Amino acid sequence: MSHRILLIEDNQDMGHLLEFHLKDLHCKVDWAVDGSSGLDQALSKPYNLIILDLMLPGIDGLEICRQLRAQPNYTPILMLTAKSSEIDRVLGLEIGADDYLTKPFNIQELLARVKVLFRRVDALSVRTTATF
């Protein structure tokens, strides 16, 4: 099954690297380079996962996460950021991120975390469908 990912990342080199490796997982990747267009895309199309940088031009990643969590539809969010202090990680998770990974990171770890989030959502959707 192909998954659709929204990557919200302003660093061009990082974005190309992530897009390249996510396609190895047979994912369709849409990419936004600023917070405003990223939020617009997240609200206008269904995604299986959003990979979200925190320090973005326009709207920052925390505000994007807040606004997405105020919506009725649930999409997993993996925060991928250089903000690595304990308070930043806790804040990101408390606001609604499902996972938090700091830069620099190992690409294999990122891919493993993406697969875990897909498995979790797939398992929940099967369980929800089976109970009705």
C-alpha atoms as a PDB file:
ATOM      1  CA  MET A   1       0.000   0.000   0.000  1.00  0.00           C
ATOM      2  CA  SER A   2       1.277   3.454  -0.860  1.00  0.00           C
ATOM      3  CA  HIS A   3       1.181   6.116   1.837  1.00  0.00           C
ATOM      4  CA  ARG A   4       0.895   9.835   1.251  1.00  0.00           C
ATOM      5  CA  ILE A   5       3.226  12.041   3.300  1.00  0.00           C
ATOM      6  CA  LEU A   6       3.300  15.803   3.659  1.00  0.00           C
ATOM      7  CA  LEU A   7       6.818  17.057   4.348  1.00  0.00           C
ATOM      8  CA  ILE A   8       6.951  20.585   5.760  1.00  0.00           C
ATOM      9  CA  GLU A   9      10.652  21.502   5.662  1.00  0.00           C
ATOM     10  CA  ASP A  10      12.309  24.744   4.556  1.00  0.00           C
ATOM     11  CA  ASN A  11      15.832  23.354   4.087  1.00  0.00           C
ATOM     12  CA  GLN A  12      16.154  22.316   0.435  1.00  0.00           C
ATOM     13  CA  ASP A  13      18.966  19.791   0.975  1.00  0.00           C
ATOM     14  CA  MET A  14      17.133  18.154   3.882  1.00  0.00           C
ATOM     15  CA  GLY A  15      13.902  18.079   1.925  1.00  0.00           C
ATOM     16  CA  HIS A  16      15.502  16.377  -1.082  1.00  0.00           C
ATOM     17  CA  LEU A  17      17.182  13.800   1.159  1.00  0.00           C
ATOM     18  CA  LEU A  18      13.946  12.991   2.970  1.00  0.00           C
ATOM     19  CA  GLU A  19      11.912  12.838  -0.225  1.00  0.00           C
ATOM     20  CA  PHE A  20      14.446  10.465  -1.806  1.00  0.00           C
ATOM     21  CA  HIS A  21      14.420   8.034   1.129  1.00  0.00           C
ATOM     22  CA  LEU A  22      10.673   8.184   1.739  1.00  0.00           C
ATOM     23  CA  LYS A  23      10.100   7.183  -1.870  1.00  0.00           C
ATOM     24  CA  ASP A  24      12.102   4.019  -1.063  1.00  0.00           C
ATOM     25  CA  LEU A  25       9.170   3.162   1.228  1.00  0.00           C
ATOM     26  CA  HIS A  26       6.835   3.645  -1.764  1.00  0.00           C
ATOM     27  CA  CYS A  27       5.454   6.852  -0.279  1.00  0.00           C
ATOM     28  CA  LYS A  28       4.042   9.723  -2.285  1.00  0.00           C
ATOM     29  CA  VAL A  29       5.640  12.869  -0.881  1.00  0.00           C
ATOM     30  CA  ASP A  30       4.193  16.377  -1.122  1.00  0.00           C
ATOM     31  CA  TRP A  31       6.586  19.035   0.069  1.00  0.00           C
ATOM     32  CA  ALA A  32       5.938  22.511   1.464  1.00  0.00           C
ATOM     33  CA  VAL A  33       8.828  24.898   2.184  1.00  0.00           C
ATOM     34  CA  ASP A  34       7.071  27.269   4.586  1.00  0.00           C
ATOM     35  CA  GLY A  35       4.554  27.054   7.376  1.00  0.00           C
ATOM     36  CA  SER A  36       1.648  28.796   5.650  1.00  0.00           C
ATOM     37  CA  SER A  37       1.653  26.633   2.532  1.00  0.00           C
ATOM     38  CA  GLY A  38       2.294  23.541   4.660  1.00  0.00           C
ATOM     39  CA  LEU A  39      -0.751  24.240   6.809  1.00  0.00           C
ATOM     40  CA  ASP A  40      -2.869  24.927   3.718  1.00  0.00           C
ATOM     41  CA  GLN A  41      -1.816  21.621   2.164  1.00  0.00           C
ATOM     42  CA  ALA A  42      -2.386  19.702   5.401  1.00  0.00           C
ATOM     43  CA  LEU A  43      -5.907  21.076   5.653  1.00  0.00           C
ATOM     44  CA  SER A  44      -6.820  20.563   2.001  1.00  0.00           C
ATOM     45  CA  LYS A  45      -5.679  16.984   1.286  1.00  0.00           C
ATOM     46  CA  PRO A  46      -5.707  13.717   3.229  1.00  0.00           C
ATOM     47  CA  TYR A  47      -2.283  12.472   4.362  1.00  0.00           C
ATOM     48  CA  ASN A  48      -1.139   9.352   6.172  1.00  0.00           C
ATOM     49  CA  LEU A  49       1.680  11.264   7.897  1.00  0.00           C
ATOM     50  CA  ILE A  50       2.999  14.796   8.275  1.00  0.00           C
ATOM     51  CA  ILE A  51       6.725  15.287   8.859  1.00  0.00           C
ATOM     52  CA  LEU A  52       7.026  18.730  10.369  1.00  0.00           C
ATOM     53  CA  ASP A  53       9.985  20.991  11.021  1.00  0.00           C
ATOM     54  CA  LEU A  54       9.482  23.475  13.857  1.00  0.00           C
ATOM     55  CA  MET A  55      11.517  26.453  12.675  1.00  0.00           C
ATOM     56  CA  LEU A  56       9.766  27.503   9.484  1.00  0.00           C
ATOM     57  CA  PRO A  57       9.213  30.791   7.696  1.00  0.00           C
ATOM     58  CA  GLY A  58       5.699  32.101   8.245  1.00  0.00           C
ATOM     59  CA  ILE A  59       3.790  29.910  10.665  1.00  0.00           C
ATOM     60  CA  ASP A  60       6.062  27.825  12.914  1.00  0.00           C
ATOM     61  CA  GLY A  61       5.685  24.082  13.349  1.00  0.00           C
ATOM     62  CA  LEU A  62       4.185  24.278  16.834  1.00  0.00           C
ATOM     63  CA  GLU A  63       1.357  26.490  15.590  1.00  0.00           C
ATOM     64  CA  ILE A  64       0.778  24.169  12.629  1.00  0.00           C
ATOM     65  CA  CYS A  65       0.536  21.237  15.024  1.00  0.00           C
ATOM     66  CA  ARG A  66      -1.891  23.144  17.285  1.00  0.00           C
ATOM     67  CA  GLN A  67      -4.151  24.014  14.362  1.00  0.00           C
ATOM     68  CA  LEU A  68      -4.104  20.490  12.963  1.00  0.00           C
ATOM     69  CA  ARG A  69      -4.976  18.983  16.333  1.00  0.00           C
ATOM     70  CA  ALA A  70      -7.989  21.309  16.513  1.00  0.00           C
ATOM     71  CA  GLN A  71      -9.383  19.584  13.381  1.00  0.00           C
ATOM     72  CA  PRO A  72     -11.669  16.533  13.561  1.00  0.00           C
ATOM     73  CA  ASN A  73      -9.542  14.427  11.185  1.00  0.00           C
ATOM     74  CA  TYR A  74      -6.468  12.835  12.731  1.00  0.00           C
ATOM     75  CA  THR A  75      -3.163  12.647  10.889  1.00  0.00           C
ATOM     76  CA  PRO A  76      -0.001  11.434  12.661  1.00  0.00           C
ATOM     77  CA  ILE A  77       2.705  14.079  13.030  1.00  0.00           C
ATOM     78  CA  LEU A  78       6.430  13.377  13.271  1.00  0.00           C
ATOM     79  CA  MET A  79       8.326  16.488  14.341  1.00  0.00           C
ATOM     80  CA  LEU A  80      11.792  16.603  12.806  1.00  0.00           C
ATOM     81  CA  THR A  81      13.741  19.555  14.114  1.00  0.00           C
ATOM     82  CA  ALA A  82      17.033  20.945  15.334  1.00  0.00           C
ATOM     83  CA  LYS A  83      15.319  22.024  18.568  1.00  0.00           C
ATOM     84  CA  SER A  84      16.686  19.342  20.845  1.00  0.00           C
ATOM     85  CA  SER A  85      16.255  20.522  24.429  1.00  0.00           C
ATOM     86  CA  GLU A  86      14.116  18.452  26.748  1.00  0.00           C
ATOM     87  CA  ILE A  87      11.537  21.232  27.053  1.00  0.00           C
ATOM     88  CA  ASP A  88      11.257  21.466  23.237  1.00  0.00           C
ATOM     89  CA  ARG A  89      10.667  17.709  22.938  1.00  0.00           C
ATOM     90  CA  VAL A  90       8.108  17.676  25.751  1.00  0.00           C
ATOM     91  CA  LEU A  91       6.306  20.722  24.338  1.00  0.00           C
ATOM     92  CA  GLY A  92       6.136  19.183  20.857  1.00  0.00           C
ATOM     93  CA  LEU A  93       4.676  15.955  22.199  1.00  0.00           C
ATOM     94  CA  GLU A  94       2.265  17.769  24.541  1.00  0.00           C
ATOM     95  CA  ILE A  95       0.955  19.948  21.704  1.00  0.00           C
ATOM     96  CA  GLY A  96       0.117  16.839  19.724  1.00  0.00           C
ATOM     97  CA  ALA A  97       3.070  15.343  17.874  1.00  0.00           C
ATOM     98  CA  ASP A  98       3.081  11.555  17.757  1.00  0.00           C
ATOM     99  CA  ASP A  99       6.863  11.380  17.609  1.00  0.00           C
ATOM    100  CA  TYR A 100       9.809  13.778  17.851  1.00  0.00           C
ATOM    101  CA  LEU A 101      13.204  13.309  16.228  1.00  0.00           C
ATOM    102  CA  THR A 102      16.061  15.795  16.430  1.00  0.00           C
ATOM    103  CA  LYS A 103      18.497  16.819  13.716  1.00  0.00           C
ATOM    104  CA  PRO A 104      21.031  15.541  12.980  1.00  0.00           C
ATOM    105  CA  PHE A 105      19.427  12.116  12.734  1.00  0.00           C
ATOM    106  CA  ASN A 106      20.075   8.717  11.226  1.00  0.00           C
ATOM    107  CA  ILE A 107      17.962   8.167   8.105  1.00  0.00           C
ATOM    108  CA  GLN A 108      17.354   4.517   9.027  1.00  0.00           C
ATOM    109  CA  GLU A 109      15.953   5.589  12.389  1.00  0.00           C
ATOM    110  CA  LEU A 110      13.659   8.099  10.699  1.00  0.00           C
ATOM    111  CA  LEU A 111      12.399   5.444   8.260  1.00  0.00           C
ATOM    112  CA  ALA A 112      11.829   3.018  11.141  1.00  0.00           C
ATOM    113  CA  ARG A 113       9.794   5.650  13.015  1.00  0.00           C
ATOM    114  CA  VAL A 114       7.740   6.356   9.881  1.00  0.00           C
ATOM    115  CA  LYS A 115       6.984   2.631   9.514  1.00  0.00           C
ATOM    116  CA  VAL A 116       5.962   2.427  13.190  1.00  0.00           C
ATOM    117  CA  LEU A 117       3.515   5.305  12.774  1.00  0.00           C
ATOM    118  CA  PHE A 118       2.036   3.674   9.658  1.00  0.00           C
ATOM    119  CA  ARG A 119       1.644   0.349  11.496  1.00  0.00           C
ATOM    120  CA  ARG A 120      -0.036   2.042  14.440  1.00  0.00           C
ATOM    121  CA  VAL A 121      -2.550   3.900  12.294  1.00  0.00           C
ATOM    122  CA  ASP A 122      -3.227   0.824  10.134  1.00  0.00           C
ATOM    123  CA  ALA A 123      -3.793  -1.309  13.256  1.00  0.00           C
ATOM    124  CA  LEU A 124      -6.160   1.250  14.760  1.00  0.00           C
ATOM    125  CA  SER A 125      -8.171   1.539  11.562  1.00  0.00           C
ATOM    126  CA  VAL A 126      -8.525  -2.260  11.358  1.00  0.00           C
ATOM    127  CA  ARG A 127      -9.569  -2.411  15.007  1.00  0.00           C
ATOM    128  CA  THR A 128     -12.100   0.410  14.548  1.00  0.00           C
ATOM    129  CA  THR A 129     -13.565  -1.195  11.434  1.00  0.00           C
ATOM    130  CA  ALA A 130     -13.807  -4.588  13.141  1.00  0.00           C
ATOM    131  CA  THR A 131     -15.792  -3.255  16.112  1.00  0.00           C
ATOM    132  CA  PHE A 132     -18.658  -1.932  13.995  1.00  0.00           C
END
